[in-house]
C-alpha atoms as a PDB file:
ATOM      1  CA  MET A   1     -39.229 -31.449  40.559  1.00  0.00           C
ATOM      2  CA  ASP A   2     -40.007 -30.461  36.915  1.00  0.00           C
ATOM      3  CA  SER A   3     -42.563 -32.351  35.531  1.00  0.00           C
ATOM      4  CA  GLU A   4     -40.819 -35.712  35.636  1.00  0.00           C
ATOM      5  CA  LYS A   5     -41.020 -37.847  38.314  1.00  0.00           C
ATOM      6  CA  PRO A   6     -38.685 -38.610  40.596  1.00  0.00           C
ATOM      7  CA  LYS A   7     -36.260 -41.759  39.509  1.00  0.00           C
ATOM      8  CA  ILE A   8     -36.034 -44.460  42.326  1.00  0.00           C
ATOM      9  CA  LEU A   9     -33.148 -46.935  42.265  1.00  0.00           C
ATOM     10  CA  VAL A  10     -34.037 -49.825  44.830  1.00  0.00           C
ATOM     11  CA  VAL A  11     -31.779 -52.533  45.400  1.00  0.00           C
ATOM     12  CA  ASP A  12     -31.332 -55.149  47.210  1.00  0.00           C
ATOM     13  CA  ASP A  13     -31.148 -59.351  46.547  1.00  0.00           C
ATOM     14  CA  ASP A  14     -34.375 -60.188  48.377  1.00  0.00           C
ATOM     15  CA  ALA A  15     -37.020 -59.960  45.676  1.00  0.00           C
ATOM     16  CA  ASN A  16     -39.504 -59.257  48.639  1.00  0.00           C
ATOM     17  CA  ILE A  17     -37.762 -56.138  50.039  1.00  0.00           C
ATOM     18  CA  ARG A  18     -37.502 -54.681  46.520  1.00  0.00           C
ATOM     19  CA  GLU A  19     -41.481 -55.675  46.261  1.00  0.00           C
ATOM     20  CA  LEU A  20     -42.378 -54.363  49.772  1.00  0.00           C
ATOM     21  CA  VAL A  21     -39.978 -50.716  48.899  1.00  0.00           C
ATOM     22  CA  LEU A  22     -41.923 -50.476  45.850  1.00  0.00           C
ATOM     23  CA  GLU A  23     -45.485 -50.815  47.287  1.00  0.00           C
ATOM     24  CA  THR A  24     -44.231 -48.252  49.800  1.00  0.00           C
ATOM     25  CA  ILE A  25     -42.939 -45.377  47.419  1.00  0.00           C
ATOM     26  CA  GLY A  26     -45.857 -46.267  44.955  1.00  0.00           C
ATOM     27  CA  GLN A  27     -45.408 -46.007  41.395  1.00  0.00           C
ATOM     28  CA  ASP A  28     -48.124 -43.339  41.051  1.00  0.00           C
ATOM     29  CA  HIS A  29     -45.213 -40.337  42.216  1.00  0.00           C
ATOM     30  CA  PHE A  30     -41.962 -42.328  41.466  1.00  0.00           C
ATOM     31  CA  ASP A  31     -40.221 -43.994  38.233  1.00  0.00           C
ATOM     32  CA  ALA A  32     -38.779 -47.022  40.303  1.00  0.00           C
ATOM     33  CA  PHE A  33     -35.903 -49.341  38.940  1.00  0.00           C
ATOM     34  CA  THR A  34     -34.956 -52.077  40.952  1.00  0.00           C
ATOM     35  CA  ALA A  35     -31.444 -54.220  41.227  1.00  0.00           C
ATOM     36  CA  GLN A  36     -30.847 -57.236  42.814  1.00  0.00           C
ATOM     37  CA  ASP A  37     -27.110 -57.323  43.395  1.00  0.00           C
ATOM     38  CA  GLY A  38     -24.223 -54.537  43.673  1.00  0.00           C
ATOM     39  CA  LEU A  39     -23.184 -54.659  39.575  1.00  0.00           C
ATOM     40  CA  GLU A  40     -26.248 -54.372  38.844  1.00  0.00           C
ATOM     41  CA  ALA A  41     -26.830 -51.738  40.935  1.00  0.00           C
ATOM     42  CA  LEU A  42     -23.764 -49.390  39.473  1.00  0.00           C
ATOM     43  CA  GLU A  43     -24.802 -50.572  35.791  1.00  0.00           C
ATOM     44  CA  VAL A  44     -28.680 -49.300  36.457  1.00  0.00           C
ATOM     45  CA  ALA A  45     -27.127 -45.584  38.102  1.00  0.00           C
ATOM     46  CA  ASN A  46     -24.994 -45.021  35.209  1.00  0.00           C
ATOM     47  CA  ARG A  47     -27.624 -45.635  33.033  1.00  0.00           C
ATOM     48  CA  VAL A  48     -30.572 -44.073  34.308  1.00  0.00           C
ATOM     49  CA  LYS A  49     -29.440 -41.442  36.676  1.00  0.00           C
ATOM     50  CA  PRO A  50     -31.708 -41.920  39.771  1.00  0.00           C
ATOM     51  CA  ASP A  51     -32.776 -39.077  42.013  1.00  0.00           C
ATOM     52  CA  LEU A  52     -32.359 -41.441  45.319  1.00  0.00           C
ATOM     53  CA  VAL A  53     -30.831 -44.692  45.447  1.00  0.00           C
ATOM     54  CA  VAL A  54     -32.338 -46.849  48.688  1.00  0.00           C
ATOM     55  CA  LEU A  55     -29.374 -49.646  48.659  1.00  0.00           C
ATOM     56  CA  ASP A  56     -29.214 -52.629  50.706  1.00  0.00           C
ATOM     57  CA  LEU A  57     -26.104 -53.363  52.985  1.00  0.00           C
ATOM     58  CA  MET A  58     -25.647 -57.615  53.244  1.00  0.00           C
ATOM     59  CA  MET A  59     -25.686 -58.719  49.828  1.00  0.00           C
ATOM     60  CA  PRO A  60     -23.822 -61.363  48.214  1.00  0.00           C
ATOM     61  CA  GLY A  61     -20.317 -60.355  46.059  1.00  0.00           C
ATOM     62  CA  MET A  62     -20.024 -56.678  46.193  1.00  0.00           C
ATOM     63  CA  ASP A  63     -22.155 -55.407  49.296  1.00  0.00           C
ATOM     64  CA  GLY A  64     -23.579 -51.625  50.040  1.00  0.00           C
ATOM     65  CA  TRP A  65     -20.245 -50.231  51.151  1.00  0.00           C
ATOM     66  CA  GLU A  66     -18.744 -51.143  48.140  1.00  0.00           C
ATOM     67  CA  VAL A  67     -21.761 -50.016  45.922  1.00  0.00           C
ATOM     68  CA  CYS A  68     -21.861 -46.576  48.094  1.00  0.00           C
ATOM     69  CA  SER A  69     -18.279 -45.446  47.706  1.00  0.00           C
ATOM     70  CA  ARG A  70     -18.483 -46.303  44.144  1.00  0.00           C
ATOM     71  CA  LEU A  71     -21.343 -44.333  43.102  1.00  0.00           C
ATOM     72  CA  ARG A  72     -20.104 -41.587  45.065  1.00  0.00           C
ATOM     73  CA  LYS A  73     -16.527 -41.978  43.276  1.00  0.00           C
ATOM     74  CA  ASP A  74     -18.294 -41.546  39.925  1.00  0.00           C
ATOM     75  CA  ILE A  75     -18.837 -37.773  39.008  1.00  0.00           C
ATOM     76  CA  LEU A  76     -22.366 -38.661  37.257  1.00  0.00           C
ATOM     77  CA  THR A  77     -23.642 -40.527  40.964  1.00  0.00           C
ATOM     78  CA  SER A  78     -21.314 -39.065  43.606  1.00  0.00           C
ATOM     79  CA  HIS A  79     -24.453 -35.953  44.000  1.00  0.00           C
ATOM     80  CA  ILE A  80     -27.282 -39.002  44.248  1.00  0.00           C
ATOM     81  CA  PRO A  81     -29.043 -39.375  47.845  1.00  0.00           C
ATOM     82  CA  ILE A  82     -28.490 -42.803  49.213  1.00  0.00           C
ATOM     83  CA  ILE A  83     -30.281 -44.288  51.950  1.00  0.00           C
ATOM     84  CA  MET A  84     -28.948 -47.721  53.033  1.00  0.00           C
ATOM     85  CA  LEU A  85     -31.179 -50.502  54.669  1.00  0.00           C
ATOM     86  CA  THR A  86     -29.803 -53.360  56.947  1.00  0.00           C
ATOM     87  CA  ALA A  87     -31.119 -55.912  59.060  1.00  0.00           C
ATOM     88  CA  ARG A  88     -27.969 -54.706  61.159  1.00  0.00           C
ATOM     89  CA  SER A  89     -28.773 -52.018  63.786  1.00  0.00           C
ATOM     90  CA  ASP A  90     -24.982 -51.733  65.374  1.00  0.00           C
ATOM     91  CA  ILE A  91     -23.823 -48.167  65.509  1.00  0.00           C
ATOM     92  CA  ASP A  92     -20.311 -49.489  63.971  1.00  0.00           C
ATOM     93  CA  ASN A  93     -22.044 -50.152  61.124  1.00  0.00           C
ATOM     94  CA  LYS A  94     -24.058 -47.115  60.722  1.00  0.00           C
ATOM     95  CA  ILE A  95     -20.632 -45.130  61.004  1.00  0.00           C
ATOM     96  CA  LYS A  96     -19.394 -46.972  58.250  1.00  0.00           C
ATOM     97  CA  GLY A  97     -22.138 -46.279  55.846  1.00  0.00           C
ATOM     98  CA  ILE A  98     -22.030 -42.429  57.080  1.00  0.00           C
ATOM     99  CA  GLU A  99     -18.293 -43.124  56.143  1.00  0.00           C
ATOM    100  CA  VAL A 100     -17.856 -44.402  52.694  1.00  0.00           C
ATOM    101  CA  GLY A 101     -20.650 -41.461  52.015  1.00  0.00           C
ATOM    102  CA  ALA A 102     -24.503 -42.373  52.771  1.00  0.00           C
ATOM    103  CA  ASP A 103     -27.200 -39.884  53.338  1.00  0.00           C
ATOM    104  CA  ASP A 104     -29.772 -42.080  55.629  1.00  0.00           C
ATOM    105  CA  TYR A 105     -29.379 -45.487  57.868  1.00  0.00           C
ATOM    106  CA  MET A 106     -32.576 -47.558  58.143  1.00  0.00           C
ATOM    107  CA  THR A 107     -32.761 -50.805  60.306  1.00  0.00           C
ATOM    108  CA  LYS A 108     -34.914 -53.741  58.739  1.00  0.00           C
ATOM    109  CA  PRO A 109     -37.743 -54.080  59.279  1.00  0.00           C
ATOM    110  CA  PHE A 110     -38.644 -50.502  58.937  1.00  0.00           C
ATOM    111  CA  ASP A 111     -42.148 -48.426  58.986  1.00  0.00           C
ATOM    112  CA  PRO A 112     -43.228 -47.831  55.421  1.00  0.00           C
ATOM    113  CA  LEU A 113     -44.318 -44.778  56.107  1.00  0.00           C
ATOM    114  CA  GLU A 114     -41.401 -43.738  57.485  1.00  0.00           C
ATOM    115  CA  LEU A 115     -39.207 -44.360  54.712  1.00  0.00           C
ATOM    116  CA  GLU A 116     -41.721 -43.085  52.191  1.00  0.00           C
ATOM    117  CA  ALA A 117     -40.986 -39.518  54.653  1.00  0.00           C
ATOM    118  CA  ARG A 118     -37.206 -39.724  54.398  1.00  0.00           C
ATOM    119  CA  ILE A 119     -37.270 -40.665  50.711  1.00  0.00           C
ATOM    120  CA  ASN A 120     -39.379 -37.059  50.213  1.00  0.00           C
ATOM    121  CA  MET A 121     -36.717 -35.475  52.895  1.00  0.00           C
ATOM    122  CA  HIS A 122     -34.226 -36.978  50.703  1.00  0.00           C
ATOM    123  CA  LEU A 123     -35.358 -35.419  47.022  1.00  0.00           C
ATOM    124  CA  ARG A 124     -36.752 -32.367  48.248  1.00  0.00           C
ATOM    125  CA  ARG A 125     -33.438 -31.176  50.141  1.00  0.00           C
ATOM    126  CA  SER A 126     -31.710 -32.709  46.681  1.00  0.00           C
ATOM    127  CA  VAL A 127     -34.174 -30.122  44.508  1.00  0.00           C
ATOM    128  CA  ARG A 128     -33.562 -27.090  47.029  1.00  0.00           C
ATOM    129  CA  ASP A 129     -29.479 -27.840  47.015  1.00  0.00           C
ATOM    130  CA  GLY A 130     -29.386 -27.558  43.050  1.00  0.00           C
ATOM    131  CA  GLU A 131     -27.319 -30.790  43.481  1.00  0.00           C
ATOM    132  CA  ALA A 132     -27.875 -31.989  39.772  1.00  0.00           C
ATOM    133  CA  SER A 133     -28.220 -30.251  36.255  1.00  0.00           C
ATOM    134  CA  PRO A 134     -31.394 -31.667  34.779  1.00  0.00           C
ATOM    135  CA  LEU A 135     -30.334 -31.483  31.205  1.00  0.00           C
ATOM    136  CA  THR A 136     -26.908 -33.126  31.518  1.00  0.00           C
ATOM    137  CA  GLY A 137     -27.014 -34.887  35.105  1.00  0.00           C
ATOM    138  CA  LEU A 138     -24.137 -33.461  36.586  1.00  0.00           C
ATOM    139  CA  PRO A 139     -23.144 -31.754  39.886  1.00  0.00           C
ATOM    140  CA  GLY A 140     -24.454 -28.463  40.342  1.00  0.00           C
ATOM    141  CA  ASN A 141     -23.724 -25.124  41.866  1.00  0.00           C
ATOM    142  CA  HIS A 142     -24.284 -26.370  45.588  1.00  0.00           C
ATOM    143  CA  ALA A 143     -21.955 -29.552  45.226  1.00  0.00           C
ATOM    144  CA  ILE A 144     -19.278 -27.091  42.861  1.00  0.00           C
ATOM    145  CA  GLU A 145     -19.416 -24.471  45.507  1.00  0.00           C
ATOM    146  CA  ALA A 146     -18.466 -27.147  48.005  1.00  0.00           C
ATOM    147  CA  ALA A 147     -16.275 -29.373  46.093  1.00  0.00           C
ATOM    148  CA  ILE A 148     -13.894 -25.913  45.913  1.00  0.00           C
ATOM    149  CA  GLY A 149     -14.288 -25.164  49.700  1.00  0.00           C
ATOM    150  CA  ASN A 150     -13.528 -28.665  50.604  1.00  0.00           C
ATOM    151  CA  ARG A 151     -10.171 -28.175  48.660  1.00  0.00           C
ATOM    152  CA  ILE A 152      -9.211 -24.736  49.941  1.00  0.00           C
ATOM    153  CA  ALA A 153     -10.515 -26.232  53.854  1.00  0.00           C
ATOM    154  CA  ALA A 154      -7.763 -29.286  53.011  1.00  0.00           C
ATOM    155  CA  GLY A 155      -4.642 -27.018  51.993  1.00  0.00           C
ATOM    156  CA  THR A 156      -4.268 -28.991  48.685  1.00  0.00           C
ATOM    157  CA  ARG A 157      -3.118 -27.640  45.484  1.00  0.00           C
ATOM    158  CA  PHE A 158      -6.035 -27.771  43.011  1.00  0.00           C
ATOM    159  CA  ALA A 159      -6.521 -26.185  39.679  1.00  0.00           C
ATOM    160  CA  VAL A 160      -9.991 -25.155  38.984  1.00  0.00           C
ATOM    161  CA  CYS A 161     -10.884 -25.066  34.945  1.00  0.00           C
ATOM    162  CA  TYR A 162     -13.931 -22.974  33.605  1.00  0.00           C
ATOM    163  CA  ILE A 163     -15.303 -24.009  30.349  1.00  0.00           C
ATOM    164  CA  ASP A 164     -17.771 -21.732  28.713  1.00  0.00           C
ATOM    165  CA  LEU A 165     -18.829 -21.717  24.820  1.00  0.00           C
ATOM    166  CA  ASP A 166     -18.267 -19.149  22.360  1.00  0.00           C
ATOM    167  CA  ASP A 167     -21.219 -17.458  20.653  1.00  0.00           C
ATOM    168  CA  PHE A 168     -23.285 -19.579  21.870  1.00  0.00           C
ATOM    169  CA  LYS A 169     -26.497 -17.101  21.893  1.00  0.00           C
ATOM    170  CA  ALA A 170     -26.755 -16.805  18.830  1.00  0.00           C
ATOM    171  CA  TYR A 171     -26.459 -20.302  17.677  1.00  0.00           C
ATOM    172  CA  ASN A 172     -29.322 -20.660  20.245  1.00  0.00           C
ATOM    173  CA  ASP A 173     -31.275 -17.861  18.196  1.00  0.00           C
ATOM    174  CA  ARG A 174     -30.394 -19.291  15.277  1.00  0.00           C
ATOM    175  CA  TYR A 175     -31.365 -23.214  16.182  1.00  0.00           C
ATOM    176  CA  GLY A 176     -33.582 -23.361  18.807  1.00  0.00           C
ATOM    177  CA  PHE A 177     -33.789 -24.715  22.564  1.00  0.00           C
ATOM    178  CA  MET A 178     -33.308 -28.322  21.847  1.00  0.00           C
ATOM    179  CA  ALA A 179     -30.422 -27.729  19.158  1.00  0.00           C
ATOM    180  CA  GLY A 180     -29.087 -25.332  22.179  1.00  0.00           C
ATOM    181  CA  SER A 181     -29.259 -28.461  24.491  1.00  0.00           C
ATOM    182  CA  ALA A 182     -27.228 -30.602  22.252  1.00  0.00           C
ATOM    183  CA  VAL A 183     -24.546 -28.991  22.001  1.00  0.00           C
ATOM    184  CA  ILE A 184     -24.275 -28.236  26.196  1.00  0.00           C
ATOM    185  CA  GLN A 185     -24.888 -32.053  26.380  1.00  0.00           C
ATOM    186  CA  MET A 186     -22.616 -32.715  23.991  1.00  0.00           C
ATOM    187  CA  THR A 187     -20.298 -30.553  25.745  1.00  0.00           C
ATOM    188  CA  ALA A 188     -20.324 -32.298  28.781  1.00  0.00           C
ATOM    189  CA  ASP A 189     -19.791 -35.495  27.501  1.00  0.00           C
ATOM    190  CA  ALA A 190     -16.394 -34.634  25.616  1.00  0.00           C
ATOM    191  CA  ILE A 191     -15.410 -33.038  29.505  1.00  0.00           C
ATOM    192  CA  LEU A 192     -16.017 -36.556  30.729  1.00  0.00           C
ATOM    193  CA  GLU A 193     -14.448 -38.495  27.860  1.00  0.00           C
ATOM    194  CA  ALA A 194     -11.448 -36.394  28.608  1.00  0.00           C
ATOM    195  CA  LEU A 195     -11.738 -37.048  32.247  1.00  0.00           C
ATOM    196  CA  HIS A 196     -12.432 -40.674  31.812  1.00  0.00           C
ATOM    197  CA  LYS A 197      -9.205 -40.750  29.522  1.00  0.00           C
ATOM    198  CA  TYR A 198      -6.593 -38.393  31.614  1.00  0.00           C
ATOM    199  CA  GLY A 199      -8.626 -37.909  35.178  1.00  0.00           C
ATOM    200  CA  ARG A 200      -7.729 -39.463  38.268  1.00  0.00           C
ATOM    201  CA  GLU A 201     -10.039 -40.303  41.149  1.00  0.00           C
ATOM    202  CA  GLY A 202     -10.678 -37.453  43.050  1.00  0.00           C
ATOM    203  CA  ASP A 203     -11.451 -34.985  39.445  1.00  0.00           C
ATOM    204  CA  PHE A 204     -14.748 -33.291  39.713  1.00  0.00           C
ATOM    205  CA  CYS A 205     -16.883 -31.675  37.025  1.00  0.00           C
ATOM    206  CA  GLY A 206     -19.937 -29.598  37.033  1.00  0.00           C
ATOM    207  CA  HIS A 207     -22.774 -27.683  35.324  1.00  0.00           C
ATOM    208  CA  ILE A 208     -22.657 -24.343  36.380  1.00  0.00           C
ATOM    209  CA  GLY A 209     -25.826 -23.627  34.585  1.00  0.00           C
ATOM    210  CA  GLY A 210     -25.880 -22.564  30.756  1.00  0.00           C
ATOM    211  CA  ASP A 211     -22.917 -23.226  28.670  1.00  0.00           C
ATOM    212  CA  ASP A 212     -20.939 -22.783  31.532  1.00  0.00           C
ATOM    213  CA  PHE A 213     -19.193 -25.526  33.531  1.00  0.00           C
ATOM    214  CA  ILE A 214     -16.247 -26.248  35.757  1.00  0.00           C
ATOM    215  CA  MET A 215     -13.659 -28.758  36.365  1.00  0.00           C
ATOM    216  CA  ILE A 216     -11.593 -29.311  39.540  1.00  0.00           C
ATOM    217  CA  THR A 217      -7.826 -31.159  39.399  1.00  0.00           C
ATOM    218  CA  ASN A 218      -4.480 -30.409  39.320  1.00  0.00           C
ATOM    219  CA  MET A 219      -2.292 -28.424  37.475  1.00  0.00           C
ATOM    220  CA  GLU A 220      -0.329 -31.356  35.933  1.00  0.00           C
ATOM    221  CA  ARG A 221      -3.688 -32.471  34.624  1.00  0.00           C
ATOM    222  CA  ALA A 222      -5.563 -29.359  33.977  1.00  0.00           C
ATOM    223  CA  THR A 223      -3.482 -28.343  30.553  1.00  0.00           C
ATOM    224  CA  LEU A 224      -3.747 -32.106  29.302  1.00  0.00           C
ATOM    225  CA  LEU A 225      -7.657 -32.323  29.837  1.00  0.00           C
ATOM    226  CA  SER A 226      -8.453 -28.831  28.542  1.00  0.00           C
ATOM    227  CA  GLY A 227      -6.438 -29.771  25.407  1.00  0.00           C
ATOM    228  CA  GLU A 228      -8.548 -32.888  25.181  1.00  0.00           C
ATOM    229  CA  ILE A 229     -12.158 -31.381  25.716  1.00  0.00           C
ATOM    230  CA  ILE A 230     -10.848 -28.839  22.952  1.00  0.00           C
ATOM    231  CA  ARG A 231     -10.008 -31.701  20.683  1.00  0.00           C
ATOM    232  CA  LEU A 232     -13.061 -33.311  21.578  1.00  0.00           C
ATOM    233  CA  PHE A 233     -15.316 -30.452  21.294  1.00  0.00           C
ATOM    234  CA  GLU A 234     -14.103 -29.152  17.888  1.00  0.00           C
ATOM    235  CA  ALA A 235     -14.198 -32.856  16.657  1.00  0.00           C
ATOM    236  CA  GLU A 236     -18.168 -32.814  16.989  1.00  0.00           C
ATOM    237  CA  ILE A 237     -19.037 -29.537  16.886  1.00  0.00           C
ATOM    238  CA  THR A 238     -19.565 -28.720  12.923  1.00  0.00           C
ATOM    239  CA  GLY A 239     -22.170 -31.361  13.496  1.00  0.00           C
ATOM    240  CA  HIS A 240     -24.650 -29.555  14.967  1.00  0.00           C
ATOM    241  CA  TYR A 241     -24.579 -27.247  11.840  1.00  0.00           C
ATOM    242  CA  ASP A 242     -26.471 -26.942   8.588  1.00  0.00           C
ATOM    243  CA  LEU A 243     -24.592 -28.126   5.379  1.00  0.00           C
ATOM    244  CA  GLN A 244     -24.766 -24.402   4.618  1.00  0.00           C
ATOM    245  CA  ASP A 245     -23.654 -22.509   7.649  1.00  0.00           C
ATOM    246  CA  ARG A 246     -20.895 -25.701   7.623  1.00  0.00           C
ATOM    247  CA  GLU A 247     -19.479 -24.798   4.297  1.00  0.00           C
ATOM    248  CA  ARG A 248     -19.535 -20.671   4.889  1.00  0.00           C
ATOM    249  CA  GLY A 249     -18.398 -21.059   8.080  1.00  0.00           C
ATOM    250  CA  TYR A 250     -20.468 -18.834  10.146  1.00  0.00           C
ATOM    251  CA  ILE A 251     -24.338 -17.859  10.716  1.00  0.00           C
ATOM    252  CA  GLU A 252     -25.902 -14.828  10.368  1.00  0.00           C
ATOM    253  CA  SER A 253     -27.964 -13.037  12.792  1.00  0.00           C
ATOM    254  CA  ILE A 254     -29.578  -9.332  13.800  1.00  0.00           C
ATOM    255  CA  ASN A 255     -28.482  -7.210  16.539  1.00  0.00           C
ATOM    256  CA  ARG A 256     -31.158  -4.875  18.317  1.00  0.00           C
ATOM    257  CA  ASN A 257     -30.442  -2.571  15.652  1.00  0.00           C
ATOM    258  CA  GLY A 258     -31.569  -4.560  12.855  1.00  0.00           C
ATOM    259  CA  GLU A 259     -28.134  -4.886  12.212  1.00  0.00           C
ATOM    260  CA  PRO A 260     -26.768  -8.095  10.206  1.00  0.00           C
ATOM    261  CA  LEU A 261     -24.269  -9.966  12.230  1.00  0.00           C
ATOM    262  CA  ARG A 262     -21.745 -12.567  11.427  1.00  0.00           C
ATOM    263  CA  PHE A 263     -20.998 -15.666  14.098  1.00  0.00           C
ATOM    264  CA  GLY A 264     -18.199 -18.236  13.401  1.00  0.00           C
ATOM    265  CA  ILE A 265     -18.974 -21.673  14.001  1.00  0.00           C
ATOM    266  CA  MET A 266     -18.744 -22.032  18.000  1.00  0.00           C
ATOM    267  CA  THR A 267     -15.678 -22.569  19.857  1.00  0.00           C
ATOM    268  CA  ILE A 268     -14.982 -23.343  23.489  1.00  0.00           C
ATOM    269  CA  SER A 269     -12.895 -21.251  25.745  1.00  0.00           C
ATOM    270  CA  ILE A 270     -11.249 -22.833  29.259  1.00  0.00           C
ATOM    271  CA  SER A 271     -10.053 -20.722  32.046  1.00  0.00           C
ATOM    272  CA  ILE A 272      -7.237 -22.040  34.958  1.00  0.00           C
ATOM    273  CA  VAL A 273      -7.066 -20.872  37.691  1.00  0.00           C
ATOM    274  CA  HIS A 274      -4.815 -22.800  40.228  1.00  0.00           C
ATOM    275  CA  ASN A 275      -3.006 -22.400  43.301  1.00  0.00           C
ATOM    276  CA  THR A 276       0.714 -22.770  42.752  1.00  0.00           C
ATOM    277  CA  TYR A 277       1.922 -19.275  42.723  1.00  0.00           C
ATOM    278  CA  ARG A 278      -0.737 -17.871  44.766  1.00  0.00           C
ATOM    279  CA  GLU A 279      -3.422 -18.145  47.456  1.00  0.00           C
ATOM    280  CA  LEU A 280      -6.659 -19.255  46.985  1.00  0.00           C
ATOM    281  CA  ASP A 281      -8.807 -18.602  50.352  1.00  0.00           C
ATOM    282  CA  HIS A 282     -12.456 -18.427  49.003  1.00  0.00           C
ATOM    283  CA  PRO A 283     -14.306 -19.768  46.441  1.00  0.00           C
ATOM    284  CA  GLY A 284     -14.921 -15.922  45.577  1.00  0.00           C
ATOM    285  CA  LYS A 285     -11.870 -15.661  44.945  1.00  0.00           C
ATOM    286  CA  VAL A 286     -11.510 -18.152  42.705  1.00  0.00           C
ATOM    287  CA  ALA A 287     -14.391 -16.859  40.908  1.00  0.00           C
ATOM    288  CA  GLN A 288     -12.806 -13.796  40.550  1.00  0.00           C
ATOM    289  CA  VAL A 289      -9.628 -14.425  39.450  1.00  0.00           C
ATOM    290  CA  ALA A 290     -11.311 -17.044  36.297  1.00  0.00           C
ATOM    291  CA  ALA A 291     -13.265 -14.026  35.683  1.00  0.00           C
ATOM    292  CA  GLU A 292     -10.485 -11.794  34.849  1.00  0.00           C
ATOM    293  CA  LEU A 293      -8.673 -14.884  32.913  1.00  0.00           C
ATOM    294  CA  LYS A 294     -12.286 -15.400  31.279  1.00  0.00           C
ATOM    295  CA  LYS A 295     -12.172 -12.144  29.616  1.00  0.00           C
ATOM    296  CA  TYR A 296      -8.357 -13.170  28.046  1.00  0.00           C
ATOM    297  CA  VAL A 297      -9.190 -16.134  26.814  1.00  0.00           C
ATOM    298  CA  LYS A 298     -12.085 -15.106  24.633  1.00  0.00           C
ATOM    299  CA  SER A 299     -10.410 -12.112  23.080  1.00  0.00           C
ATOM    300  CA  LEU A 300      -8.588 -14.679  21.384  1.00  0.00           C
ATOM    301  CA  GLU A 301      -9.102 -16.687  17.775  1.00  0.00           C
ATOM    302  CA  GLY A 302     -10.389 -19.992  17.951  1.00  0.00           C
ATOM    303  CA  SER A 303     -11.097 -22.900  20.776  1.00  0.00           C
ATOM    304  CA  ASN A 304      -8.508 -21.817  23.590  1.00  0.00           C
ATOM    305  CA  PHE A 305      -7.492 -22.775  27.225  1.00  0.00           C
ATOM    306  CA  VAL A 306      -5.026 -20.395  29.445  1.00  0.00           C
ATOM    307  CA  TYR A 307      -4.093 -20.648  33.134  1.00  0.00           C
ATOM    308  CA  ASP A 308      -2.715 -17.579  35.752  1.00  0.00           C
ATOM    309  CA  ARG A 309       0.645 -17.199  35.603  1.00  0.00           C
ATOM    310  CA  ARG A 310       0.799 -14.458  37.935  1.00  0.00           C
ATOM    311  CA  ARG A 311       2.960 -15.282  41.300  1.00  0.00           C
ATOM    312  CA  GLU A 312       1.410 -13.324  44.802  1.00  0.00           C
ATOM    313  CA  VAL A 313       4.510 -11.137  45.806  1.00  0.00           C
END
């Protein structure tokens, strides 16, 4: 964990249980949030992006199974560890909880020390696996590799879009870390907005790190989504530059030899790798094809997307 305290969301319609869980985890080590029903849980989860959810199973209206299922289907919450609490101890309920995406299961009344230990275990595992980017909240490299691997194992048709910014380093050097982080967050927002507009259930996006992102969809939507991401990015990026830089259309920098260089307003490049015409049997092969496409798309002027047109013979 970084210097910020982990955020825990406690969801239960019983105020006494919520209070007991809060007392168990303590306020010194965690930032605690609560919700008393399923709808409130989804709202809070999307607003605060908790690091872990303690979720009651039996609630009026939307039960814990439905809440868990919806959290798993949302790109921004799909990676969050979920511990289910229930008064039911039969195996069928435990199996159903696991099937909808729960990571752990505890039966009421629970031992506070055991709950605390399990919370800490899942938080450590989440940090170890790098499940989410601390800046954008998007799934990280472990989740990205799993998402690609799962599609390969399922034998489905898919497209992986590698998204990165052109001349980001020059911008970061000129404007500083905070301004660079704002551009990265804006890029993540553009990807999510495009997915909300044109994406479908099962589509995925993740943050590799820095200014590099991944989006997984199918080939039919890949070009539509890529075009929308470019449109959204270009509509926002000039607002991240000073008026003087915007008017002249470039920023100035100095290379290692002390020579002045000019870098245009940032653009965005998207390389689309897909298995329509060739077999992609390993995440490494996906990355290899993407690296070849990346060299080409970044040689083009402005923001662009390209997709692999080659066929295996």
